[in-house]
Amino acid sequence: MNALTRFLGDSPLRVLIKLVLISLVVGYIMHVFGWTPADIYYGIRNAILDLWHAGFDALGRFAGYILIGGAVVVPVFLIARLLAYRRD
């Protein structure tokens, strides 16, 4: 088994035939749906950007929840500690 065959996973001719057949099927499906490679690229890019922005929005909401909860929890904790300290 030479290095090229080992790299490709099969003989170069068989790999070429498989790639041509898969390209034909994918090209036909893309034609049916009216997609172009640029549409796929921009679709993936926009999906990643939307997830990125949604993630930071979620982090902003998360920080807001911490601050709102802390406004209640920290004073209650301090009062509870002061009351426990007076008993000791």
PDB file of N, CA and C in Angstrom:
ATOM      1  N   MET A   1       0.856  -1.177   0.000  1.00  0.00           N
ATOM      2  CA  MET A   1       0.000   0.000   0.000  1.00  0.00           C
ATOM      3  C   MET A   1       0.903   1.241   0.000  1.00  0.00           C
ATOM      4  N   ASN A   2       0.806   2.057  -1.038  1.00  0.00           N
ATOM      5  CA  ASN A   2       1.668   3.237  -1.080  1.00  0.00           C
ATOM      6  C   ASN A   2       1.062   4.375  -0.267  1.00  0.00           C
ATOM      7  N   ALA A   3       1.808   5.459  -0.123  1.00  0.00           N
ATOM      8  CA  ALA A   3       1.394   6.572   0.744  1.00  0.00           C
ATOM      9  C   ALA A   3       0.116   7.239   0.237  1.00  0.00           C
ATOM     10  N   LEU A   4      -0.038   7.403  -1.082  1.00  0.00           N
ATOM     11  CA  LEU A   4      -1.230   8.058  -1.626  1.00  0.00           C
ATOM     12  C   LEU A   4      -2.474   7.222  -1.353  1.00  0.00           C
ATOM     13  N   THR A   5      -2.382   5.928  -1.595  1.00  0.00           N
ATOM     14  CA  THR A   5      -3.523   5.046  -1.337  1.00  0.00           C
ATOM     15  C   THR A   5      -3.866   5.033   0.150  1.00  0.00           C
ATOM     16  N   ARG A   6      -2.847   5.022   0.985  1.00  0.00           N
ATOM     17  CA  ARG A   6      -3.085   5.040   2.426  1.00  0.00           C
ATOM     18  C   ARG A   6      -3.747   6.355   2.837  1.00  0.00           C
ATOM     19  N   PHE A   7      -3.306   7.470   2.243  1.00  0.00           N
ATOM     20  CA  PHE A   7      -3.890   8.776   2.564  1.00  0.00           C
ATOM     21  C   PHE A   7      -5.341   8.865   2.107  1.00  0.00           C
ATOM     22  N   LEU A   8      -5.622   8.399   0.892  1.00  0.00           N
ATOM     23  CA  LEU A   8      -6.978   8.498   0.342  1.00  0.00           C
ATOM     24  C   LEU A   8      -7.922   7.454   0.924  1.00  0.00           C
ATOM     25  N   GLY A   9      -7.394   6.342   1.408  1.00  0.00           N
ATOM     26  CA  GLY A   9      -8.234   5.294   1.963  1.00  0.00           C
ATOM     27  C   GLY A   9      -8.679   4.273   0.947  1.00  0.00           C
ATOM     28  N   ASP A  10      -8.321   4.468  -0.293  1.00  0.00           N
ATOM     29  CA  ASP A  10      -8.660   3.553  -1.379  1.00  0.00           C
ATOM     30  C   ASP A  10      -7.784   3.932  -2.559  1.00  0.00           C
ATOM     31  N   SER A  11      -7.926   3.219  -3.652  1.00  0.00           N
ATOM     32  CA  SER A  11      -7.115   3.557  -4.827  1.00  0.00           C
ATOM     33  C   SER A  11      -7.567   4.912  -5.372  1.00  0.00           C
ATOM     34  N   PRO A  12      -6.647   5.674  -5.965  1.00  0.00           N
ATOM     35  CA  PRO A  12      -7.005   7.002  -6.463  1.00  0.00           C
ATOM     36  C   PRO A  12      -8.164   6.988  -7.461  1.00  0.00           C
ATOM     37  N   LEU A  13      -8.215   5.994  -8.340  1.00  0.00           N
ATOM     38  CA  LEU A  13      -9.298   5.929  -9.326  1.00  0.00           C
ATOM     39  C   LEU A  13     -10.650   5.702  -8.652  1.00  0.00           C
ATOM     40  N   ARG A  14     -10.696   4.812  -7.688  1.00  0.00           N
ATOM     41  CA  ARG A  14     -11.965   4.559  -6.982  1.00  0.00           C
ATOM     42  C   ARG A  14     -12.407   5.800  -6.203  1.00  0.00           C
ATOM     43  N   VAL A  15     -11.465   6.486  -5.570  1.00  0.00           N
ATOM     44  CA  VAL A  15     -11.797   7.710  -4.841  1.00  0.00           C
ATOM     45  C   VAL A  15     -12.315   8.761  -5.804  1.00  0.00           C
ATOM     46  N   LEU A  16     -11.701   8.888  -6.963  1.00  0.00           N
ATOM     47  CA  LEU A  16     -12.149   9.860  -7.963  1.00  0.00           C
ATOM     48  C   LEU A  16     -13.576   9.551  -8.418  1.00  0.00           C
ATOM     49  N   ILE A  17     -13.864   8.282  -8.683  1.00  0.00           N
ATOM     50  CA  ILE A  17     -15.214   7.890  -9.117  1.00  0.00           C
ATOM     51  C   ILE A  17     -16.235   8.203  -8.018  1.00  0.00           C
ATOM     52  N   LYS A  18     -15.900   7.886  -6.760  1.00  0.00           N
ATOM     53  CA  LYS A  18     -16.815   8.180  -5.647  1.00  0.00           C
ATOM     54  C   LYS A  18     -17.061   9.678  -5.522  1.00  0.00           C
ATOM     55  N   LEU A  19     -15.995  10.472  -5.637  1.00  0.00           N
ATOM     56  CA  LEU A  19     -16.151  11.921  -5.528  1.00  0.00           C
ATOM     57  C   LEU A  19     -17.001  12.491  -6.654  1.00  0.00           C
ATOM     58  N   VAL A  20     -16.836  11.965  -7.865  1.00  0.00           N
ATOM     59  CA  VAL A  20     -17.647  12.439  -9.001  1.00  0.00           C
ATOM     60  C   VAL A  20     -19.119  12.098  -8.772  1.00  0.00           C
ATOM     61  N   LEU A  21     -19.409  10.893  -8.326  1.00  0.00           N
ATOM     62  CA  LEU A  21     -20.804  10.498  -8.090  1.00  0.00           C
ATOM     63  C   LEU A  21     -21.433  11.317  -6.964  1.00  0.00           C
ATOM     64  N   ILE A  22     -20.712  11.502  -5.875  1.00  0.00           N
ATOM     65  CA  ILE A  22     -21.248  12.294  -4.770  1.00  0.00           C
ATOM     66  C   ILE A  22     -21.444  13.749  -5.206  1.00  0.00           C
ATOM     67  N   SER A  23     -20.503  14.283  -5.989  1.00  0.00           N
ATOM     68  CA  SER A  23     -20.632  15.650  -6.487  1.00  0.00           C
ATOM     69  C   SER A  23     -21.850  15.791  -7.387  1.00  0.00           C
ATOM     70  N   LEU A  24     -22.122  14.782  -8.197  1.00  0.00           N
ATOM     71  CA  LEU A  24     -23.289  14.801  -9.063  1.00  0.00           C
ATOM     72  C   LEU A  24     -24.573  14.852  -8.246  1.00  0.00           C
ATOM     73  N   VAL A  25     -24.677  14.016  -7.221  1.00  0.00           N
ATOM     74  CA  VAL A  25     -25.876  13.977  -6.378  1.00  0.00           C
ATOM     75  C   VAL A  25     -26.046  15.295  -5.628  1.00  0.00           C
ATOM     76  N   VAL A  26     -24.966  15.781  -5.022  1.00  0.00           N
ATOM     77  CA  VAL A  26     -25.038  17.038  -4.272  1.00  0.00           C
ATOM     78  C   VAL A  26     -25.359  18.197  -5.202  1.00  0.00           C
ATOM     79  N   GLY A  27     -24.750  18.221  -6.383  1.00  0.00           N
ATOM     80  CA  GLY A  27     -25.028  19.283  -7.355  1.00  0.00           C
ATOM     81  C   GLY A  27     -26.482  19.283  -7.797  1.00  0.00           C
ATOM     82  N   TYR A  28     -27.045  18.096  -8.017  1.00  0.00           N
ATOM     83  CA  TYR A  28     -28.447  17.999  -8.405  1.00  0.00           C
ATOM     84  C   TYR A  28     -29.364  18.499  -7.287  1.00  0.00           C
ATOM     85  N   ILE A  29     -29.093  18.077  -6.057  1.00  0.00           N
ATOM     86  CA  ILE A  29     -29.913  18.518  -4.924  1.00  0.00           C
ATOM     87  C   ILE A  29     -29.823  20.035  -4.761  1.00  0.00           C
ATOM     88  N   MET A  30     -28.622  20.579  -4.895  1.00  0.00           N
ATOM     89  CA  MET A  30     -28.469  22.033  -4.785  1.00  0.00           C
ATOM     90  C   MET A  30     -29.222  22.753  -5.907  1.00  0.00           C
ATOM     91  N   HIS A  31     -29.201  22.189  -7.097  1.00  0.00           N
ATOM     92  CA  HIS A  31     -29.933  22.788  -8.216  1.00  0.00           C
ATOM     93  C   HIS A  31     -31.436  22.766  -7.961  1.00  0.00           C
ATOM     94  N   VAL A  32     -31.944  21.643  -7.447  1.00  0.00           N
ATOM     95  CA  VAL A  32     -33.372  21.521  -7.172  1.00  0.00           C
ATOM     96  C   VAL A  32     -33.824  22.580  -6.173  1.00  0.00           C
ATOM     97  N   PHE A  33     -33.028  22.824  -5.132  1.00  0.00           N
ATOM     98  CA  PHE A  33     -33.389  23.802  -4.110  1.00  0.00           C
ATOM     99  C   PHE A  33     -32.959  25.218  -4.468  1.00  0.00           C
ATOM    100  N   GLY A  34     -32.236  25.389  -5.560  1.00  0.00           N
ATOM    101  CA  GLY A  34     -31.802  26.717  -5.966  1.00  0.00           C
ATOM    102  C   GLY A  34     -30.687  27.285  -5.101  1.00  0.00           C
ATOM    103  N   TRP A  35     -29.883  26.409  -4.532  1.00  0.00           N
ATOM    104  CA  TRP A  35     -28.794  26.844  -3.668  1.00  0.00           C
ATOM    105  C   TRP A  35     -27.516  27.001  -4.476  1.00  0.00           C
ATOM    106  N   THR A  36     -26.660  27.881  -4.001  1.00  0.00           N
ATOM    107  CA  THR A  36     -25.315  28.018  -4.560  1.00  0.00           C
ATOM    108  C   THR A  36     -24.331  27.790  -3.422  1.00  0.00           C
ATOM    109  N   PRO A  37     -23.072  27.542  -3.740  1.00  0.00           N
ATOM    110  CA  PRO A  37     -22.090  27.407  -2.659  1.00  0.00           C
ATOM    111  C   PRO A  37     -22.016  28.665  -1.781  1.00  0.00           C
ATOM    112  N   ALA A  38     -22.214  29.837  -2.380  1.00  0.00           N
ATOM    113  CA  ALA A  38     -22.206  31.077  -1.596  1.00  0.00           C
ATOM    114  C   ALA A  38     -23.378  31.103  -0.617  1.00  0.00           C
ATOM    115  N   ASP A  39     -24.547  30.608  -1.036  1.00  0.00           N
ATOM    116  CA  ASP A  39     -25.699  30.540  -0.129  1.00  0.00           C
ATOM    117  C   ASP A  39     -25.386  29.679   1.082  1.00  0.00           C
ATOM    118  N   ILE A  40     -24.741  28.556   0.848  1.00  0.00           N
ATOM    119  CA  ILE A  40     -24.398  27.659   1.947  1.00  0.00           C
ATOM    120  C   ILE A  40     -23.370  28.322   2.860  1.00  0.00           C
ATOM    121  N   TYR A  41     -22.363  28.949   2.268  1.00  0.00           N
ATOM    122  CA  TYR A  41     -21.336  29.628   3.067  1.00  0.00           C
ATOM    123  C   TYR A  41     -21.960  30.723   3.930  1.00  0.00           C
ATOM    124  N   TYR A  42     -22.764  31.591   3.317  1.00  0.00           N
ATOM    125  CA  TYR A  42     -23.372  32.678   4.081  1.00  0.00           C
ATOM    126  C   TYR A  42     -24.403  32.166   5.092  1.00  0.00           C
ATOM    127  N   GLY A  43     -25.078  31.084   4.764  1.00  0.00           N
ATOM    128  CA  GLY A  43     -26.015  30.495   5.717  1.00  0.00           C
ATOM    129  C   GLY A  43     -25.307  29.985   6.964  1.00  0.00           C
ATOM    130  N   ILE A  44     -24.192  29.284   6.767  1.00  0.00           N
ATOM    131  CA  ILE A  44     -23.411  28.789   7.907  1.00  0.00           C
ATOM    132  C   ILE A  44     -22.833  29.956   8.692  1.00  0.00           C
ATOM    133  N   ARG A  45     -22.297  30.953   7.979  1.00  0.00           N
ATOM    134  CA  ARG A  45     -21.708  32.125   8.634  1.00  0.00           C
ATOM    135  C   ARG A  45     -22.759  32.866   9.459  1.00  0.00           C
ATOM    136  N   ASN A  46     -23.933  33.072   8.889  1.00  0.00           N
ATOM    137  CA  ASN A  46     -24.997  33.776   9.612  1.00  0.00           C
ATOM    138  C   ASN A  46     -25.495  32.978  10.808  1.00  0.00           C
ATOM    139  N   ALA A  47     -25.556  31.663  10.677  1.00  0.00           N
ATOM    140  CA  ALA A  47     -25.979  30.830  11.805  1.00  0.00           C
ATOM    141  C   ALA A  47     -24.973  30.936  12.948  1.00  0.00           C
ATOM    142  N   ILE A  48     -23.687  30.928  12.620  1.00  0.00           N
ATOM    143  CA  ILE A  48     -22.655  31.053  13.654  1.00  0.00           C
ATOM    144  C   ILE A  48     -22.728  32.433  14.302  1.00  0.00           C
ATOM    145  N   LEU A  49     -22.913  33.481  13.496  1.00  0.00           N
ATOM    146  CA  LEU A  49     -23.024  34.829  14.059  1.00  0.00           C
ATOM    147  C   LEU A  49     -24.263  34.962  14.943  1.00  0.00           C
ATOM    148  N   ASP A  50     -25.377  34.370  14.523  1.00  0.00           N
ATOM    149  CA  ASP A  50     -26.590  34.424  15.344  1.00  0.00           C
ATOM    150  C   ASP A  50     -26.382  33.715  16.683  1.00  0.00           C
ATOM    151  N   LEU A  51     -25.717  32.560  16.645  1.00  0.00           N
ATOM    152  CA  LEU A  51     -25.418  31.857  17.898  1.00  0.00           C
ATOM    153  C   LEU A  51     -24.479  32.676  18.770  1.00  0.00           C
ATOM    154  N   TRP A  52     -23.504  33.322  18.135  1.00  0.00           N
ATOM    155  CA  TRP A  52     -22.541  34.155  18.873  1.00  0.00           C
ATOM    156  C   TRP A  52     -23.262  35.287  19.595  1.00  0.00           C
ATOM    157  N   HIS A  53     -24.114  35.986  18.852  1.00  0.00           N
ATOM    158  CA  HIS A  53     -24.834  37.115  19.445  1.00  0.00           C
ATOM    159  C   HIS A  53     -25.841  36.639  20.500  1.00  0.00           C
ATOM    160  N   ALA A  54     -26.510  35.546  20.225  1.00  0.00           N
ATOM    161  CA  ALA A  54     -27.463  35.009  21.199  1.00  0.00           C
ATOM    162  C   ALA A  54     -26.732  34.578  22.466  1.00  0.00           C
ATOM    163  N   GLY A  55     -25.539  34.032  22.304  1.00  0.00           N
ATOM    164  CA  GLY A  55     -24.764  33.621  23.468  1.00  0.00           C
ATOM    165  C   GLY A  55     -24.408  34.796  24.349  1.00  0.00           C
ATOM    166  N   PHE A  56     -23.983  35.908  23.735  1.00  0.00           N
ATOM    167  CA  PHE A  56     -23.640  37.071  24.534  1.00  0.00           C
ATOM    168  C   PHE A  56     -24.882  37.722  25.133  1.00  0.00           C
ATOM    169  N   ASP A  57     -25.989  37.657  24.427  1.00  0.00           N
ATOM    170  CA  ASP A  57     -27.241  38.140  25.012  1.00  0.00           C
ATOM    171  C   ASP A  57     -27.604  37.301  26.237  1.00  0.00           C
ATOM    172  N   ALA A  58     -27.407  35.990  26.117  1.00  0.00           N
ATOM    173  CA  ALA A  58     -27.705  35.103  27.246  1.00  0.00           C
ATOM    174  C   ALA A  58     -26.776  35.409  28.418  1.00  0.00           C
ATOM    175  N   LEU A  59     -25.504  35.677  28.133  1.00  0.00           N
ATOM    176  CA  LEU A  59     -24.578  36.020  29.217  1.00  0.00           C
ATOM    177  C   LEU A  59     -24.986  37.325  29.886  1.00  0.00           C
ATOM    178  N   GLY A  60     -25.458  38.282  29.091  1.00  0.00           N
ATOM    179  CA  GLY A  60     -25.928  39.546  29.659  1.00  0.00           C
ATOM    180  C   GLY A  60     -27.136  39.338  30.557  1.00  0.00           C
ATOM    181  N   ARG A  61     -28.061  38.494  30.106  1.00  0.00           N
ATOM    182  CA  ARG A  61     -29.229  38.173  30.941  1.00  0.00           C
ATOM    183  C   ARG A  61     -28.795  37.425  32.194  1.00  0.00           C
ATOM    184  N   PHE A  62     -27.840  36.527  32.058  1.00  0.00           N
ATOM    185  CA  PHE A  62     -27.332  35.754  33.182  1.00  0.00           C
ATOM    186  C   PHE A  62     -26.719  36.677  34.231  1.00  0.00           C
ATOM    187  N   ALA A  63     -25.917  37.633  33.781  1.00  0.00           N
ATOM    188  CA  ALA A  63     -25.317  38.588  34.718  1.00  0.00           C
ATOM    189  C   ALA A  63     -26.408  39.430  35.387  1.00  0.00           C
ATOM    190  N   GLY A  64     -27.419  39.800  34.632  1.00  0.00           N
ATOM    191  CA  GLY A  64     -28.532  40.548  35.206  1.00  0.00           C
ATOM    192  C   GLY A  64     -29.258  39.758  36.275  1.00  0.00           C
ATOM    193  N   TYR A  65     -29.457  38.461  36.027  1.00  0.00           N
ATOM    194  CA  TYR A  65     -30.108  37.610  37.021  1.00  0.00           C
ATOM    195  C   TYR A  65     -29.275  37.536  38.295  1.00  0.00           C
ATOM    196  N   ILE A  66     -27.963  37.441  38.140  1.00  0.00           N
ATOM    197  CA  ILE A  66     -27.084  37.384  39.310  1.00  0.00           C
ATOM    198  C   ILE A  66     -27.195  38.675  40.117  1.00  0.00           C
ATOM    199  N   LEU A  67     -27.186  39.818  39.435  1.00  0.00           N
ATOM    200  CA  LEU A  67     -27.271  41.099  40.140  1.00  0.00           C
ATOM    201  C   LEU A  67     -28.609  41.269  40.840  1.00  0.00           C
ATOM    202  N   ILE A  68     -29.685  40.904  40.175  1.00  0.00           N
ATOM    203  CA  ILE A  68     -31.016  41.027  40.782  1.00  0.00           C
ATOM    204  C   ILE A  68     -31.139  40.087  41.982  1.00  0.00           C
ATOM    205  N   GLY A  69     -30.696  38.849  41.811  1.00  0.00           N
ATOM    206  CA  GLY A  69     -30.745  37.898  42.919  1.00  0.00           C
ATOM    207  C   GLY A  69     -29.831  38.318  44.059  1.00  0.00           C
ATOM    208  N   GLY A  70     -28.655  38.847  43.702  1.00  0.00           N
ATOM    209  CA  GLY A  70     -27.721  39.301  44.730  1.00  0.00           C
ATOM    210  C   GLY A  70     -28.262  40.461  45.542  1.00  0.00           C
ATOM    211  N   ALA A  71     -29.091  41.291  44.929  1.00  0.00           N
ATOM    212  CA  ALA A  71     -29.678  42.415  45.654  1.00  0.00           C
ATOM    213  C   ALA A  71     -30.582  41.934  46.781  1.00  0.00           C
ATOM    214  N   VAL A  72     -31.088  40.721  46.673  1.00  0.00           N
ATOM    215  CA  VAL A  72     -31.931  40.154  47.725  1.00  0.00           C
ATOM    216  C   VAL A  72     -31.117  39.233  48.627  1.00  0.00           C
ATOM    217  N   VAL A  73     -30.299  38.386  48.050  1.00  0.00           N
ATOM    218  CA  VAL A  73     -29.606  37.344  48.806  1.00  0.00           C
ATOM    219  C   VAL A  73     -28.516  37.911  49.707  1.00  0.00           C
ATOM    220  N   VAL A  74     -27.719  38.846  49.218  1.00  0.00           N
ATOM    221  CA  VAL A  74     -26.601  39.371  50.018  1.00  0.00           C
ATOM    222  C   VAL A  74     -27.090  40.075  51.284  1.00  0.00           C
ATOM    223  N   PRO A  75     -28.083  40.969  51.204  1.00  0.00           N
ATOM    224  CA  PRO A  75     -28.550  41.570  52.454  1.00  0.00           C
ATOM    225  C   PRO A  75     -29.146  40.545  53.424  1.00  0.00           C
ATOM    226  N   VAL A  76     -29.877  39.578  52.927  1.00  0.00           N
ATOM    227  CA  VAL A  76     -30.440  38.540  53.800  1.00  0.00           C
ATOM    228  C   VAL A  76     -29.310  37.749  54.447  1.00  0.00           C
ATOM    229  N   PHE A  77     -28.282  37.425  53.683  1.00  0.00           N
ATOM    230  CA  PHE A  77     -27.135  36.709  54.230  1.00  0.00           C
ATOM    231  C   PHE A  77     -26.449  37.529  55.321  1.00  0.00           C
ATOM    232  N   LEU A  78     -26.228  38.810  55.061  1.00  0.00           N
ATOM    233  CA  LEU A  78     -25.570  39.671  56.045  1.00  0.00           C
ATOM    234  C   LEU A  78     -26.398  39.798  57.325  1.00  0.00           C
ATOM    235  N   ILE A  79     -27.701  39.951  57.181  1.00  0.00           N
ATOM    236  CA  ILE A  79     -28.574  40.032  58.359  1.00  0.00           C
ATOM    237  C   ILE A  79     -28.533  38.725  59.134  1.00  0.00           C
ATOM    238  N   ALA A  80     -28.577  37.602  58.420  1.00  0.00           N
ATOM    239  CA  ALA A  80     -28.532  36.295  59.088  1.00  0.00           C
ATOM    240  C   ALA A  80     -27.201  36.117  59.813  1.00  0.00           C
ATOM    241  N   ARG A  81     -26.102  36.548  59.216  1.00  0.00           N
ATOM    242  CA  ARG A  81     -24.796  36.439  59.865  1.00  0.00           C
ATOM    243  C   ARG A  81     -24.714  37.343  61.094  1.00  0.00           C
ATOM    244  N   LEU A  82     -25.279  38.548  60.977  1.00  0.00           N
ATOM    245  CA  LEU A  82     -25.275  39.455  62.131  1.00  0.00           C
ATOM    246  C   LEU A  82     -26.091  38.879  63.284  1.00  0.00           C
ATOM    247  N   LEU A  83     -27.233  38.302  62.970  1.00  0.00           N
ATOM    248  CA  LEU A  83     -28.056  37.704  64.019  1.00  0.00           C
ATOM    249  C   LEU A  83     -27.369  36.499  64.632  1.00  0.00           C
ATOM    250  N   ALA A  84     -26.689  35.694  63.819  1.00  0.00           N
ATOM    251  CA  ALA A  84     -25.963  34.536  64.336  1.00  0.00           C
ATOM    252  C   ALA A  84     -24.761  34.992  65.149  1.00  0.00           C
ATOM    253  N   TYR A  85     -24.128  36.062  64.788  1.00  0.00           N
ATOM    254  CA  TYR A  85     -22.969  36.577  65.508  1.00  0.00           C
ATOM    255  C   TYR A  85     -23.378  37.074  66.891  1.00  0.00           C
ATOM    256  N   ARG A  86     -24.547  37.691  66.987  1.00  0.00           N
ATOM    257  CA  ARG A  86     -25.011  38.205  68.284  1.00  0.00           C
ATOM    258  C   ARG A  86     -25.309  37.070  69.258  1.00  0.00           C
ATOM    259  N   ARG A  87     -25.715  35.908  68.776  1.00  0.00           N
ATOM    260  CA  ARG A  87     -26.031  34.765  69.638  1.00  0.00           C
ATOM    261  C   ARG A  87     -24.768  34.107  70.177  1.00  0.00           C
ATOM    262  N   ASP A  88     -23.677  34.199  69.444  1.00  0.00           N
ATOM    263  CA  ASP A  88     -22.423  33.537  69.865  1.00  0.00           C
ATOM    264  C   ASP A  88     -21.743  34.215  70.990  1.00  0.00           C
TER     265      ASP A  88
END
